[in-house]
């Protein structure tokens, strides 16, 4: 293996936490973020380049520079480049105590002896790199380690079981990365462990899976479609669910609603007669008349509030779509397409219902382990909002706290981390961070991600589209990756701006032509 440089002595290094090396004169292919290794008495020291400095002794003296600039002939003949050198600063991550880096199992420990000044520095051995970072051959292939040819294959359990957050500004590649993640989960073999995937798709960005090699394992629910969209029978709606959706209900209204729902359900169990909102409203009237102790103002107030749910048009007498016990299967994808739903509260109520139903089914072993991917997560679990304004936050936080015990995992995707529930975000033990420039979001990420230090935080703003940093439970050290291309053909509900503009003008022209023809 060819060396790329030599360890040097500076005022503060080499130490057990960092060292510097000067580039080999012939070696220029060294990059910031690259993993390197060198030797010490303990074993092989492993680290990554966190900064690179370039210097030239000749240009350190102002008089020399002025003379150089004054005499034009010197510019051509004086060998200033011979005074140039490049220094890389390395953060030490650990030390391998194994005598051979080709060993199948490589153990690492904290460095207690610094590297040897004058020791040669090499680009990290691939086997050492995989072992140190905790990569797995049957892991999820998200891309390649930046500045290396090594594939970033992340262990599925470590990445997902304790929840995942994908954080990035708009246009930085969040949906692309989540598409890659879904592909990897759908491609897994039975013996490697397969889970079900459910996506809360706000803008119709995942519908391309229905026109791909995954089509026979993909089901799309157009939530806003009144005929084929999301439907849930009232007989499966418990009082606690409605109380969660309508937190403004008074104690008396909750008591009345609970009694009526229980009576309707017991009647259904006895006579097998389904019931809907009309039956619920009629039962409230009957219950009010029969119970003289009930405040006369309770009934009309409760009925007015319930009409808000009726206007959402998804609670039915008997129809159910999707049937989670049938549609949530290992190695399958269920996409909840919200692109035609404009009302945020309706989105929140449906997400609340869906997530709670999924969680309860998983706890009872009626559906397989799953990953629930929530796009625009800050809209469903907003930090600074009243409970009545974000009814889906409670169940998302519940799954974040308790889901890992049952195999109910979350992937929260957001472009505004600062607005996302601190409880939910803090329970996401792995973060994949793409480009973010908002200083408030950067501060929030640095506080919530243990693996992010000040130097890495500065790098986040300069990431290009498709570049990301993985930190947290899934990986043993912060990892820069180049996200791989997706296999499916990208397809979205929304159209490009040029196409929308053209269609509008064509429509206007047709209207003018129709008006002229009429006249």
Protein backbone atom coordinates (compact mmCIF):
# COMPACT_ATOMS: atom_id res chain seq x y z
CA UNK A 1 0.00 0.00 0.00
CA UNK A 2 1.42 3.36 -1.07
CA UNK A 3 1.80 6.01 1.69
CA UNK A 4 0.09 9.37 1.26
CA UNK A 5 2.12 11.32 3.81
CA UNK A 6 4.24 11.43 6.97
CA UNK A 7 3.27 12.25 10.57
CA UNK A 8 4.79 15.55 11.72
CA UNK A 9 5.21 17.28 15.06
CA UNK A 10 3.25 20.49 15.79
CA UNK A 11 2.65 22.44 18.99
CA UNK A 12 -0.38 20.29 19.92
CA UNK A 13 0.18 17.03 18.05
CA UNK A 14 0.60 14.17 17.65
CA UNK A 15 -1.65 13.38 20.60
CA UNK A 16 -4.11 10.63 21.48
CA UNK A 17 -6.94 12.69 19.98
CA UNK A 18 -5.38 14.15 16.82
CA UNK A 19 -2.29 14.26 14.63
CA UNK A 20 -1.10 16.02 11.50
CA UNK A 21 0.75 14.78 8.47
CA UNK A 22 2.40 16.43 5.51
CA UNK A 23 1.41 15.21 2.06
CA UNK A 24 3.83 13.19 0.00
CA UNK A 25 5.14 15.44 -2.80
CA UNK A 26 3.71 13.10 -5.42
CA UNK A 27 0.39 12.59 -3.66
CA UNK A 28 -2.35 15.14 -4.32
CA UNK A 29 -5.41 12.88 -4.21
CA UNK A 30 -6.14 13.41 -0.50
CA UNK A 31 -9.46 14.92 0.53
CA UNK A 32 -11.11 16.36 3.60
CA UNK A 33 -13.27 13.66 5.21
CA UNK A 34 -11.06 10.81 4.00
CA UNK A 35 -10.27 8.00 6.46
CA UNK A 36 -6.59 7.28 7.09
CA UNK A 37 -4.40 5.03 9.25
CA UNK A 38 -0.91 5.07 10.74
CA UNK A 39 1.08 3.11 13.31
CA UNK A 40 1.87 3.41 17.00
CA UNK A 41 3.27 1.04 19.61
CA UNK A 42 -0.30 -0.06 20.42
CA UNK A 43 -1.37 -0.92 16.90
CA UNK A 44 -2.96 0.76 13.91
CA UNK A 45 -4.37 4.22 14.63
CA UNK A 46 -7.49 5.04 12.64
CA UNK A 47 -8.98 8.49 11.97
CA UNK A 48 -10.40 10.88 9.40
CA UNK A 49 -9.08 14.12 7.91
CA UNK A 50 -11.10 16.97 9.38
CA UNK A 51 -9.13 19.83 7.79
CA UNK A 52 -6.42 20.49 5.20
CA UNK A 53 -4.03 23.44 5.20
CA UNK A 54 -1.80 24.65 2.37
CA UNK A 55 1.30 26.77 2.99
CA UNK A 56 4.37 28.17 1.27
CA UNK A 57 7.36 29.33 3.34
CA UNK A 58 8.42 31.80 0.68
CA UNK A 59 5.11 33.70 0.88
CA UNK A 60 5.13 33.99 4.68
CA UNK A 61 7.46 37.02 4.52
CA UNK A 62 5.91 40.24 3.22
CA UNK A 63 9.28 41.52 1.92
CA UNK A 64 9.81 38.34 -0.10
CA UNK A 65 6.35 38.60 -1.63
CA UNK A 66 6.86 42.27 -2.53
CA UNK A 67 10.23 41.49 -4.15
CA UNK A 68 8.72 38.56 -5.99
CA UNK A 69 5.94 40.73 -7.39
CA UNK A 70 8.31 43.61 -8.27
CA UNK A 71 10.75 41.62 -10.34
CA UNK A 72 8.77 40.08 -13.21
CA UNK A 73 11.66 37.86 -14.32
CA UNK A 74 11.65 36.22 -10.91
CA UNK A 75 8.02 35.17 -11.39
CA UNK A 76 9.11 32.87 -14.20
CA UNK A 77 12.40 31.55 -12.89
CA UNK A 78 12.24 31.46 -9.06
CA UNK A 79 11.26 27.98 -7.74
CA UNK A 80 8.57 29.15 -5.31
CA UNK A 81 6.67 25.85 -5.61
CA UNK A 82 9.54 24.04 -3.94
CA UNK A 83 8.64 25.92 -0.74
CA UNK A 84 5.04 24.73 -0.84
CA UNK A 85 3.64 22.00 1.39
CA UNK A 86 0.20 20.70 2.39
CA UNK A 87 -0.74 19.55 5.89
CA UNK A 88 -3.74 17.43 6.81
CA UNK A 89 -5.19 17.47 10.33
CA UNK A 90 -6.60 14.10 11.47
CA UNK A 91 -9.09 13.37 14.24
CA UNK A 92 -8.22 10.06 15.91
CA UNK A 93 -11.22 7.71 16.13
CA UNK A 94 -9.63 4.61 17.62
CA UNK A 95 -6.86 2.07 17.49
CA UNK A 96 -6.91 -1.53 16.30
CA UNK A 97 -5.16 -3.93 18.63
CA UNK A 98 -5.21 -6.77 16.09
CA UNK A 99 -1.90 -7.73 14.59
CA UNK A 100 -3.51 -8.19 11.18
CA UNK A 101 -6.04 -5.87 9.60
CA UNK A 102 -7.10 -8.73 7.34
CA UNK A 103 -8.56 -10.55 10.36
CA UNK A 104 -12.30 -11.33 10.08
CA UNK A 105 -12.96 -9.64 13.42
CA UNK A 106 -11.13 -6.45 14.25
CA UNK A 107 -11.37 -5.01 17.75
CA UNK A 108 -10.93 -1.31 18.47
CA UNK A 109 -10.15 0.63 21.60
CA UNK A 110 -9.43 4.21 22.59
CA UNK A 111 -5.94 5.38 21.70
CA UNK A 112 -3.68 5.84 24.74
CA UNK A 113 -0.41 6.41 22.85
CA UNK A 114 -0.02 8.99 20.05
CA UNK A 115 1.25 8.12 16.55
CA UNK A 116 4.99 8.11 15.96
CA UNK A 117 6.39 11.29 14.35
CA UNK A 118 7.83 10.28 11.01
CA UNK A 119 5.45 7.33 10.67
CA UNK A 120 3.90 6.87 7.24
CA UNK A 121 0.19 7.58 6.76
CA UNK A 122 -1.98 5.48 4.45
CA UNK A 123 -5.51 5.68 3.11
CA UNK A 124 -7.62 3.43 5.36
CA UNK A 125 -7.70 -0.27 4.53
CA UNK A 126 -11.18 -1.28 3.30
CA UNK A 127 -11.58 -4.12 5.81
CA UNK A 128 -10.46 -1.85 8.65
CA UNK A 129 -12.88 0.82 7.48
CA UNK A 130 -15.85 -1.56 7.36
CA UNK A 131 -15.07 -3.06 10.77
CA UNK A 132 -14.49 0.25 12.49
CA UNK A 133 -17.67 1.86 11.13
CA UNK A 134 -19.76 -1.24 11.82
CA UNK A 135 -20.80 -1.87 8.20
CA UNK A 136 -22.45 -5.20 7.28
CA UNK A 137 -22.33 -7.22 4.06
CA UNK A 138 -26.11 -7.74 4.18
CA UNK A 139 -26.74 -4.15 5.25
CA UNK A 140 -28.75 -1.48 3.44
CA UNK A 141 -26.64 -0.08 0.59
CA UNK A 142 -27.23 3.68 0.78
CA UNK A 143 -24.21 4.78 -1.27
CA UNK A 144 -20.43 4.93 -1.09
CA UNK A 145 -18.21 6.31 1.63
CA UNK A 146 -17.02 9.68 0.40
CA UNK A 147 -13.48 9.63 -1.07
CA UNK A 148 -13.43 5.82 -0.89
CA UNK A 149 -14.71 3.01 -3.09
CA UNK A 150 -16.16 1.23 -0.05
CA UNK A 151 -19.93 0.72 -0.11
CA UNK A 152 -21.84 2.13 2.84
CA UNK A 153 -23.95 -0.89 3.82
CA UNK A 154 -25.68 -0.02 7.08
CA UNK A 155 -27.02 -2.67 9.45
CA UNK A 156 -30.84 -2.57 9.20
CA UNK A 157 -31.48 -3.14 12.90
CA UNK A 158 -29.08 -0.40 13.99
CA UNK A 159 -30.41 2.05 11.41
CA UNK A 160 -34.14 1.55 11.88
CA UNK A 161 -35.10 -0.16 15.13
CA UNK A 162 -34.37 2.89 17.29
CA UNK A 163 -35.85 5.18 14.65
CA UNK A 164 -34.32 7.35 11.93
CA UNK A 165 -34.52 11.05 11.08
CA UNK A 166 -33.67 12.44 7.63
CA UNK A 167 -32.99 16.16 7.94
CA UNK A 168 -32.39 18.51 5.01
CA UNK A 169 -33.53 21.72 3.37
CA UNK A 170 -35.89 21.60 0.40
CA UNK A 171 -34.20 20.28 -2.74
CA UNK A 172 -31.24 18.67 -0.94
CA UNK A 173 -32.32 15.09 -1.72
CA UNK A 174 -34.54 13.92 1.17
CA UNK A 175 -37.04 12.09 -1.04
CA UNK A 176 -34.24 10.62 -3.17
CA UNK A 177 -32.60 9.18 -0.07
CA UNK A 178 -35.88 7.78 1.25
CA UNK A 179 -36.52 6.18 -2.16
CA UNK A 180 -33.11 4.50 -1.88
CA UNK A 181 -33.97 3.31 1.64
CA UNK A 182 -37.30 1.85 0.47
CA UNK A 183 -35.62 0.06 -2.46
CA UNK A 184 -33.12 -1.53 -0.10
CA UNK A 185 -35.86 -2.70 2.27
CA UNK A 186 -37.94 -4.16 -0.56
CA UNK A 187 -34.88 -5.92 -2.05
CA UNK A 188 -34.04 -7.82 1.14
CA UNK A 189 -34.23 -11.59 1.16
CA UNK A 190 -36.43 -13.46 3.60
CA UNK A 191 -33.40 -14.93 5.41
CA UNK A 192 -31.91 -11.45 5.89
CA UNK A 193 -35.07 -10.19 7.60
CA UNK A 194 -37.84 -8.31 5.79
CA UNK A 195 -40.19 -5.69 7.16
CA UNK A 196 -43.24 -3.85 5.85
CA UNK A 197 -42.92 -0.23 4.73
CA UNK A 198 -45.68 2.38 5.03
CA UNK A 199 -45.16 5.89 3.61
CA UNK A 200 -47.05 9.06 4.48
CA UNK A 201 -46.57 10.65 1.03
CA UNK A 202 -47.61 14.29 1.19
CA UNK A 203 -46.81 15.37 -2.39
CA UNK A 204 -47.12 12.13 -4.38
CA UNK A 205 -43.34 11.67 -4.63
CA UNK A 206 -43.31 7.87 -4.24
CA UNK A 207 -45.86 6.78 -6.84
CA UNK A 208 -43.02 5.70 -9.17
CA UNK A 209 -42.84 2.43 -7.22
CA UNK A 210 -46.19 1.42 -8.79
CA UNK A 211 -44.59 1.56 -12.28
CA UNK A 212 -41.42 -0.32 -11.43
CA UNK A 213 -40.13 -3.79 -10.69
CA UNK A 214 -41.75 -3.38 -7.25
CA UNK A 215 -45.26 -2.84 -8.68
CA UNK A 216 -46.64 -6.21 -7.54
CA UNK A 217 -45.56 -5.41 -3.97
CA UNK A 218 -46.76 -1.81 -3.92
CA UNK A 219 -50.22 -0.51 -3.03
CA UNK A 220 -51.16 3.17 -3.32
CA UNK A 221 -54.12 4.67 -1.45
CA UNK A 222 -55.19 8.04 -2.88
CA UNK A 223 -56.37 9.36 0.46
CA UNK A 224 -58.57 12.15 -0.93
CA UNK A 225 -60.46 9.91 -3.38
CA UNK A 226 -64.03 9.62 -2.03
CA UNK A 227 -64.66 6.33 -3.82
CA UNK A 228 -61.33 4.50 -3.52
CA UNK A 229 -59.47 6.55 -0.94
CA UNK A 230 -58.91 6.19 2.79
CA UNK A 231 -61.96 4.76 4.57
CA UNK A 232 -62.44 3.62 8.14
CA UNK A 233 -65.62 2.07 9.63
CA UNK A 234 -67.15 3.81 12.62
CA UNK A 235 -67.48 0.47 14.44
CA UNK A 236 -63.64 0.42 14.74
CA UNK A 237 -63.46 3.95 16.11
CA UNK A 238 -63.01 3.97 19.88
CA UNK A 239 -64.06 6.88 22.11
CA UNK A 240 -60.39 7.56 22.95
CA UNK A 241 -59.64 8.09 19.26
CA UNK A 242 -62.33 10.73 18.78
CA UNK A 243 -61.28 12.40 22.03
CA UNK A 244 -57.76 12.62 20.63
CA UNK A 245 -58.98 14.11 17.33
CA UNK A 246 -61.34 16.53 19.10
CA UNK A 247 -59.49 17.61 22.26
CA UNK A 248 -61.86 20.56 22.65
CA UNK A 249 -64.67 18.29 23.90
CA UNK A 250 -65.84 18.96 27.44
CA UNK A 251 -65.99 16.25 30.12
CA UNK A 252 -69.77 15.97 29.74
CA UNK A 253 -69.51 15.70 25.94
CA UNK A 254 -66.88 12.97 26.25
CA UNK A 255 -69.07 11.03 28.68
CA UNK A 256 -72.09 11.27 26.37
CA UNK A 257 -70.04 10.28 23.32
CA UNK A 258 -68.51 7.33 25.14
CA UNK A 259 -71.89 5.99 26.26
CA UNK A 260 -73.40 6.32 22.80
CA UNK A 261 -70.49 4.65 21.01
CA UNK A 262 -70.50 1.75 23.47
CA UNK A 263 -74.27 1.26 22.99
CA UNK A 264 -73.92 1.30 19.19
CA UNK A 265 -71.06 -1.19 19.28
CA UNK A 266 -72.89 -3.59 21.64
CA UNK A 267 -75.94 -3.43 19.38
CA UNK A 268 -73.70 -4.20 16.38
CA UNK A 269 -72.16 -7.20 18.16
CA UNK A 270 -75.64 -8.49 18.99
CA UNK A 271 -77.47 -7.85 15.71
CA UNK A 272 -74.53 -7.48 13.25
CA UNK A 273 -76.06 -4.26 11.99
CA UNK A 274 -73.47 -1.73 10.84
CA UNK A 275 -73.77 1.93 11.75
CA UNK A 276 -72.48 5.30 10.58
CA UNK A 277 -72.53 8.97 11.56
CA UNK A 278 -76.31 9.31 11.00
CA UNK A 279 -76.91 6.49 13.48
CA UNK A 280 -74.47 8.13 15.90
CA UNK A 281 -76.31 11.47 15.71
CA UNK A 282 -79.71 9.77 16.13
CA UNK A 283 -78.44 7.82 19.13
CA UNK A 284 -77.20 11.06 20.75
CA UNK A 285 -80.74 12.51 20.40
CA UNK A 286 -82.33 9.40 21.94
CA UNK A 287 -79.80 9.30 24.76
CA UNK A 288 -80.43 12.97 25.52
CA UNK A 289 -84.20 12.41 25.73
CA UNK A 290 -83.90 9.31 27.93
CA UNK A 291 -81.39 10.80 30.35
CA UNK A 292 -82.94 13.86 31.98
CA UNK A 293 -79.81 14.51 34.04
CA UNK A 294 -77.80 15.34 30.91
CA UNK A 295 -77.32 19.06 30.37
CA UNK A 296 -79.47 20.21 27.46
CA UNK A 297 -76.55 22.18 26.02
CA UNK A 298 -74.31 19.11 25.79
CA UNK A 299 -76.10 17.45 22.86
CA UNK A 300 -76.08 20.33 20.35
CA UNK A 301 -72.50 21.26 21.22
CA UNK A 302 -71.35 17.66 20.74
CA UNK A 303 -73.20 17.31 17.44
CA UNK A 304 -71.70 20.55 16.10
CA UNK A 305 -68.21 19.32 16.94
CA UNK A 306 -68.80 15.88 15.41
CA UNK A 307 -69.89 17.49 12.15
CA UNK A 308 -66.25 18.53 11.67
CA UNK A 309 -65.37 14.84 11.41
CA UNK A 310 -68.32 14.18 9.12
CA UNK A 311 -67.05 16.80 6.66
CA UNK A 312 -63.78 14.85 6.32
CA UNK A 313 -65.72 12.07 4.52
CA UNK A 314 -63.57 9.11 5.49
CA UNK A 315 -65.50 7.48 8.34
CA UNK A 316 -67.94 4.99 6.84
CA UNK A 317 -70.54 2.44 7.92
CA UNK A 318 -68.65 -0.64 6.80
CA UNK A 319 -65.97 0.03 4.15
CA UNK A 320 -62.30 -0.06 5.16
CA UNK A 321 -59.33 0.93 3.00
CA UNK A 322 -56.57 -0.03 3.46
CA UNK A 323 -57.13 -3.23 5.42
CA UNK A 324 -53.92 -3.12 7.40
CA UNK A 325 -53.89 -6.78 8.39
CA UNK A 326 -53.93 -7.66 4.67
CA UNK A 327 -51.97 -4.78 3.08
CA UNK A 328 -49.11 -4.52 5.57
CA UNK A 329 -46.88 -7.46 4.64
CA UNK A 330 -43.13 -8.24 4.86
CA UNK A 331 -41.27 -6.91 1.83
CA UNK A 332 -44.31 -4.87 0.69
CA UNK A 333 -44.89 -1.13 0.36
CA UNK A 334 -48.06 0.76 1.29
CA UNK A 335 -48.16 4.38 0.08
CA UNK A 336 -50.69 6.78 1.58
CA UNK A 337 -50.86 9.48 -1.11
CA UNK A 338 -52.07 12.76 0.47
CA UNK A 339 -51.36 14.91 -2.61
CA UNK A 340 -55.07 15.61 -3.20
CA UNK A 341 -55.81 16.50 0.45
CA UNK A 342 -55.56 20.22 1.20
CA UNK A 343 -56.82 20.40 4.79
CA UNK A 344 -53.98 19.94 7.29
CA UNK A 345 -56.28 18.89 10.11
CA UNK A 346 -57.73 16.11 7.96
CA UNK A 347 -54.20 14.90 7.21
CA UNK A 348 -53.37 14.92 10.91
CA UNK A 349 -56.51 13.01 11.92
CA UNK A 350 -55.89 10.31 9.28
CA UNK A 351 -52.20 9.99 10.20
CA UNK A 352 -53.19 9.76 13.87
CA UNK A 353 -55.73 7.01 13.12
CA UNK A 354 -53.40 5.09 10.81
CA UNK A 355 -50.37 5.27 13.12
CA UNK A 356 -52.35 4.25 16.22
CA UNK A 357 -53.98 1.34 14.38
CA UNK A 358 -50.60 0.17 13.06
CA UNK A 359 -49.00 0.40 16.49
CA UNK A 360 -51.81 -1.52 18.21
CA UNK A 361 -51.81 -4.24 15.53
CA UNK A 362 -48.05 -4.61 15.84
CA UNK A 363 -48.18 -4.86 19.64
CA UNK A 364 -50.69 -7.71 19.25
CA UNK A 365 -48.59 -9.42 16.57
CA UNK A 366 -51.25 -9.02 13.84
CA UNK A 367 -48.94 -7.20 11.39
CA UNK A 368 -45.20 -7.71 10.77
CA UNK A 369 -42.47 -5.37 12.03
CA UNK A 370 -42.73 -2.18 9.99
CA UNK A 371 -41.14 1.14 9.15
CA UNK A 372 -43.50 4.12 9.05
CA UNK A 373 -41.98 6.90 6.92
CA UNK A 374 -43.51 10.32 7.64
CA UNK A 375 -42.79 13.08 5.12
CA UNK A 376 -43.09 16.68 6.36
CA UNK A 377 -42.95 15.29 9.90
CA UNK A 378 -42.94 18.80 11.42
CA UNK A 379 -46.57 19.17 10.19
CA UNK A 380 -47.67 16.08 12.14
CA UNK A 381 -45.56 16.43 15.28
CA UNK A 382 -44.98 20.16 15.68
CA UNK A 383 -43.08 21.19 18.78
CA UNK A 384 -44.65 24.55 19.65
CA UNK A 385 -48.35 23.94 19.07
CA UNK A 386 -51.43 23.36 21.19
CA UNK A 387 -52.63 19.77 21.39
CA UNK A 388 -55.83 20.70 19.53
CA UNK A 389 -53.77 22.01 16.59
CA UNK A 390 -51.62 18.90 16.08
CA UNK A 391 -53.66 15.83 16.97
CA UNK A 392 -51.19 13.36 15.42
CA UNK A 393 -48.26 14.39 17.62
CA UNK A 394 -49.21 12.19 20.57
CA UNK A 395 -49.15 8.87 18.71
CA UNK A 396 -45.94 9.76 16.83
CA UNK A 397 -44.26 10.50 20.15
CA UNK A 398 -45.67 7.26 21.60
CA UNK A 399 -44.21 5.17 18.77
CA UNK A 400 -40.92 7.09 19.08
CA UNK A 401 -40.73 6.21 22.80
CA UNK A 402 -42.08 2.65 22.78
CA UNK A 403 -41.98 1.36 19.21
CA UNK A 404 -38.53 -0.24 19.28
CA UNK A 405 -39.75 -2.84 21.81
CA UNK A 406 -42.35 -4.11 19.35
CA UNK A 407 -40.66 -3.64 15.97
CA UNK A 408 -42.64 -0.49 15.16
CA UNK A 409 -40.09 1.91 13.66
CA UNK A 410 -40.27 5.51 12.51
CA UNK A 411 -38.46 7.46 9.83
CA UNK A 412 -39.18 11.17 10.28
CA UNK A 413 -38.33 13.37 7.29
CA UNK A 414 -38.31 17.14 7.69
CA UNK A 415 -36.84 20.33 6.29
CA UNK A 416 -37.49 22.21 9.54
CA UNK A 417 -35.93 20.22 12.41
CA UNK A 418 -36.36 23.16 14.78
CA UNK A 419 -40.16 22.83 14.41
CA UNK A 420 -40.24 19.06 14.98
CA UNK A 421 -41.22 17.64 18.36
CA UNK A 422 -38.12 17.45 20.56
CA UNK A 423 -39.50 14.24 22.11
CA UNK A 424 -39.85 12.55 18.71
CA UNK A 425 -36.54 13.82 17.31
CA UNK A 426 -34.56 12.89 20.42
CA UNK A 427 -35.85 9.31 20.17
CA UNK A 428 -34.49 9.01 16.61
CA UNK A 429 -31.13 7.51 17.49
CA UNK A 430 -29.76 7.88 13.95
CA UNK A 431 -29.77 11.05 11.87
CA UNK A 432 -28.95 11.30 8.18
CA UNK A 433 -28.28 14.96 7.47
CA UNK A 434 -28.17 16.45 3.99
CA UNK A 435 -27.55 20.13 3.19
CA UNK A 436 -29.05 22.61 5.67
CA UNK A 437 -28.32 26.34 5.73
CA UNK A 438 -30.82 27.75 8.23
CA UNK A 439 -28.79 28.67 11.36
CA UNK A 440 -31.67 27.85 13.74
CA UNK A 441 -32.00 24.36 12.26
CA UNK A 442 -28.23 23.87 12.40
CA UNK A 443 -28.12 24.80 16.10
CA UNK A 444 -31.05 22.47 16.81
CA UNK A 445 -29.36 19.56 14.98
CA UNK A 446 -26.06 20.12 16.77
CA UNK A 447 -27.84 19.99 20.13
CA UNK A 448 -29.87 16.87 19.30
CA UNK A 449 -27.17 14.83 17.47
CA UNK A 450 -24.39 13.58 19.73
CA UNK A 451 -22.01 12.84 16.82
CA UNK A 452 -22.12 16.37 15.42
CA UNK A 453 -19.33 18.65 16.59
CA UNK A 454 -18.70 22.25 15.50
CA UNK A 455 -16.43 21.25 12.60
CA UNK A 456 -18.93 18.80 11.14
CA UNK A 457 -21.77 21.32 11.65
CA UNK A 458 -19.92 23.80 9.45
CA UNK A 459 -19.61 21.17 6.72
CA UNK A 460 -23.38 20.62 6.59
CA UNK A 461 -24.01 23.98 4.89
CA UNK A 462 -21.62 23.13 2.02
CA UNK A 463 -22.90 19.63 1.24
CA UNK A 464 -23.88 19.15 -2.38
CA UNK A 465 -27.15 17.48 -3.42
CA UNK A 466 -26.74 13.75 -2.86
CA UNK A 467 -24.13 14.09 -0.12
CA UNK A 468 -25.02 13.28 3.45
CA UNK A 469 -23.68 12.65 6.95
CA UNK A 470 -24.80 9.64 8.98
CA UNK A 471 -24.48 10.02 12.75
CA UNK A 472 -25.82 8.08 15.70
CA UNK A 473 -26.71 4.51 16.61
CA UNK A 474 -26.36 3.04 13.10
CA UNK A 475 -22.69 3.84 12.72
CA UNK A 476 -19.64 3.86 15.01
CA UNK A 477 -18.37 7.25 13.81
CA UNK A 478 -19.78 10.12 11.72
CA UNK A 479 -19.85 8.94 8.11
CA UNK A 480 -19.92 11.07 4.95
CA UNK A 481 -21.67 9.26 2.09
CA UNK A 482 -22.43 9.88 -1.57
CA UNK A 483 -26.02 8.60 -1.88
CA UNK A 484 -26.43 6.10 -4.71
CA UNK A 485 -28.78 6.53 -7.68
CA UNK A 486 -32.30 5.11 -7.40
CA UNK A 487 -33.34 2.11 -9.47
CA UNK A 488 -36.92 3.16 -10.14
CA UNK A 489 -37.91 5.88 -12.57
CA UNK A 490 -38.78 8.96 -10.54
CA UNK A 491 -42.43 9.93 -10.91
CA UNK A 492 -44.39 12.60 -9.05
CA UNK A 493 -47.94 13.97 -9.00
CA UNK A 494 -46.65 17.51 -9.39
CA UNK A 495 -45.49 18.76 -12.80
CA UNK A 496 -42.42 20.89 -13.68
CA UNK A 497 -43.00 24.66 -13.60
CA UNK A 498 -42.38 25.00 -17.36
CA UNK A 499 -45.09 22.44 -18.10
CA UNK A 500 -47.56 24.09 -15.70
CA UNK A 501 -46.96 27.51 -17.26
CA UNK A 502 -47.41 26.15 -20.79
CA UNK A 503 -50.61 24.30 -19.91
CA UNK A 504 -52.08 27.43 -18.33
CA UNK A 505 -51.50 29.56 -21.43
CA UNK A 506 -52.90 26.83 -23.70
CA UNK A 507 -55.99 26.69 -21.50
CA UNK A 508 -56.39 30.47 -21.69
CA UNK A 509 -56.04 30.39 -25.47
CA UNK A 510 -58.74 27.72 -25.69
CA UNK A 511 -61.07 29.81 -23.53
CA UNK A 512 -60.55 32.82 -25.82
CA UNK A 513 -61.19 30.67 -28.91
CA UNK A 514 -64.38 29.25 -27.37
CA UNK A 515 -65.56 32.77 -26.47
CA UNK A 516 -64.96 34.01 -30.04
CA UNK A 517 -66.76 31.00 -31.51
CA UNK A 518 -69.74 31.64 -29.22
CA UNK A 519 -69.94 35.29 -30.23
